[in-house]
Amino acid sequence: MLGEGVALLEAIVSNHDNLTYGAIISVYTGPDEAITALTDRGVEELTDMLSEPRLTTKTWHQFLDDFVDDPELAARFKARALR
């Protein structure tokens, strides 16, 4: 839906500071199991967040440095060509 890989979206959403309070929720699928989900507002925020950084390689790399906590994962995303 957002045109991004699941790994990148998970990396961004895994840090609850990346989106505003209430944009990320836990949905319980069983007594001891839950999945992370986004509210409609969270999807809008994430869409807005991803729209500008892909304009240049420099802005994309800065975005990854700012929003992906795992340096190895950020490096993997940086190695991919911009769309």
C-alpha atoms as a PDB file:
ATOM      1  CA  MET A   1       0.000   0.000   0.000  1.00  0.00           C
ATOM      2  CA  LEU A   2       2.845   2.425   0.798  1.00  0.00           C
ATOM      3  CA  GLY A   3       5.171   1.125  -1.886  1.00  0.00           C
ATOM      4  CA  GLU A   4       7.877   0.190   0.610  1.00  0.00           C
ATOM      5  CA  GLY A   5       9.224  -3.136   1.767  1.00  0.00           C
ATOM      6  CA  VAL A   6       7.923  -4.639   4.973  1.00  0.00           C
ATOM      7  CA  ALA A   7      11.391  -4.630   6.566  1.00  0.00           C
ATOM      8  CA  LEU A   8      11.718  -0.853   6.180  1.00  0.00           C
ATOM      9  CA  LEU A   9       8.221  -0.192   7.510  1.00  0.00           C
ATOM     10  CA  GLU A  10       8.833  -2.484  10.484  1.00  0.00           C
ATOM     11  CA  ALA A  11      12.148  -0.738  11.207  1.00  0.00           C
ATOM     12  CA  ILE A  12      10.457   2.666  11.252  1.00  0.00           C
ATOM     13  CA  VAL A  13       7.435   1.550  13.275  1.00  0.00           C
ATOM     14  CA  SER A  14       9.540  -0.416  15.782  1.00  0.00           C
ATOM     15  CA  ASN A  15      10.618   2.901  17.303  1.00  0.00           C
ATOM     16  CA  HIS A  16       7.456   4.388  18.782  1.00  0.00           C
ATOM     17  CA  ASP A  17       9.113   7.838  18.823  1.00  0.00           C
ATOM     18  CA  ASN A  18       8.987   7.965  15.006  1.00  0.00           C
ATOM     19  CA  LEU A  19       5.212   8.519  14.924  1.00  0.00           C
ATOM     20  CA  THR A  20       2.878  10.460  17.192  1.00  0.00           C
ATOM     21  CA  TYR A  21       1.244   8.916  20.225  1.00  0.00           C
ATOM     22  CA  GLY A  22      -1.694   6.737  19.234  1.00  0.00           C
ATOM     23  CA  ALA A  23      -0.534   6.158  15.651  1.00  0.00           C
ATOM     24  CA  ILE A  24       0.920   2.745  16.535  1.00  0.00           C
ATOM     25  CA  ILE A  25      -1.225   0.225  18.384  1.00  0.00           C
ATOM     26  CA  SER A  26      -0.936  -3.367  19.554  1.00  0.00           C
ATOM     27  CA  VAL A  27      -3.664  -5.721  18.402  1.00  0.00           C
ATOM     28  CA  TYR A  28      -3.985  -8.805  20.552  1.00  0.00           C
ATOM     29  CA  THR A  29      -4.480 -11.947  18.495  1.00  0.00           C
ATOM     30  CA  GLY A  30      -4.435 -14.343  21.419  1.00  0.00           C
ATOM     31  CA  PRO A  31      -3.905 -14.431  25.177  1.00  0.00           C
ATOM     32  CA  ASP A  32      -0.146 -13.916  24.872  1.00  0.00           C
ATOM     33  CA  GLU A  33       0.192 -12.774  21.272  1.00  0.00           C
ATOM     34  CA  ALA A  34      -0.034  -9.332  19.729  1.00  0.00           C
ATOM     35  CA  ILE A  35       0.847  -7.660  16.452  1.00  0.00           C
ATOM     36  CA  THR A  36       1.816  -4.062  15.835  1.00  0.00           C
ATOM     37  CA  ALA A  37      -0.596  -2.101  13.677  1.00  0.00           C
ATOM     38  CA  LEU A  38      -1.078   1.464  12.537  1.00  0.00           C
ATOM     39  CA  THR A  39      -4.179   3.558  12.930  1.00  0.00           C
ATOM     40  CA  ASP A  40      -5.435   5.510   9.904  1.00  0.00           C
ATOM     41  CA  ARG A  41      -3.563   8.508  11.284  1.00  0.00           C
ATOM     42  CA  GLY A  42      -0.422   6.382  11.562  1.00  0.00           C
ATOM     43  CA  VAL A  43      -0.672   5.334   7.912  1.00  0.00           C
ATOM     44  CA  GLU A  44      -1.085   8.998   6.913  1.00  0.00           C
ATOM     45  CA  GLU A  45       1.943  10.016   8.998  1.00  0.00           C
ATOM     46  CA  LEU A  46       4.062   7.232   7.564  1.00  0.00           C
ATOM     47  CA  THR A  47       2.987   8.097   4.017  1.00  0.00           C
ATOM     48  CA  ASP A  48       3.874  11.751   4.582  1.00  0.00           C
ATOM     49  CA  MET A  49       7.147  10.774   6.239  1.00  0.00           C
ATOM     50  CA  LEU A  50       8.211   8.661   3.239  1.00  0.00           C
ATOM     51  CA  SER A  51       7.130  11.045   0.472  1.00  0.00           C
ATOM     52  CA  GLU A  52       9.979  13.578   0.443  1.00  0.00           C
ATOM     53  CA  PRO A  53      13.147  11.665   1.410  1.00  0.00           C
ATOM     54  CA  ARG A  54      13.254   9.680  -1.833  1.00  0.00           C
ATOM     55  CA  LEU A  55      13.833  12.836  -3.897  1.00  0.00           C
ATOM     56  CA  THR A  56      17.632  12.563  -3.670  1.00  0.00           C
ATOM     57  CA  THR A  57      20.116   9.990  -2.453  1.00  0.00           C
ATOM     58  CA  LYS A  58      21.343  12.428   0.197  1.00  0.00           C
ATOM     59  CA  THR A  59      17.873  13.021   1.675  1.00  0.00           C
ATOM     60  CA  TRP A  60      17.112   9.293   1.568  1.00  0.00           C
ATOM     61  CA  HIS A  61      20.311   8.409   3.444  1.00  0.00           C
ATOM     62  CA  GLN A  62      19.644  11.120   6.038  1.00  0.00           C
ATOM     63  CA  PHE A  63      16.096   9.816   6.483  1.00  0.00           C
ATOM     64  CA  LEU A  64      17.401   6.297   7.093  1.00  0.00           C
ATOM     65  CA  ASP A  65      19.957   7.587   9.600  1.00  0.00           C
ATOM     66  CA  ASP A  66      17.207   9.472  11.439  1.00  0.00           C
ATOM     67  CA  PHE A  67      14.483   6.836  11.504  1.00  0.00           C
ATOM     68  CA  VAL A  68      16.096   3.369  11.329  1.00  0.00           C
ATOM     69  CA  ASP A  69      17.805   2.456  14.608  1.00  0.00           C
ATOM     70  CA  ASP A  70      19.725  -0.559  13.276  1.00  0.00           C
ATOM     71  CA  PRO A  71      22.847   0.659  11.399  1.00  0.00           C
ATOM     72  CA  GLU A  72      23.209  -2.612   9.458  1.00  0.00           C
ATOM     73  CA  LEU A  73      19.603  -2.443   8.307  1.00  0.00           C
ATOM     74  CA  ALA A  74      19.983   1.226   7.356  1.00  0.00           C
ATOM     75  CA  ALA A  75      23.098   0.358   5.332  1.00  0.00           C
ATOM     76  CA  ARG A  76      21.165  -2.373   3.520  1.00  0.00           C
ATOM     77  CA  PHE A  77      18.421   0.103   2.565  1.00  0.00           C
ATOM     78  CA  LYS A  78      21.020   2.682   1.474  1.00  0.00           C
ATOM     79  CA  ALA A  79      22.566   0.133  -0.892  1.00  0.00           C
ATOM     80  CA  ARG A  80      19.316  -0.135  -2.851  1.00  0.00           C
ATOM     81  CA  ALA A  81      18.716   2.234  -5.744  1.00  0.00           C
ATOM     82  CA  LEU A  82      16.147   4.992  -5.336  1.00  0.00           C
ATOM     83  CA  ARG A  83      12.822   4.467  -7.061  1.00  0.00           C
END
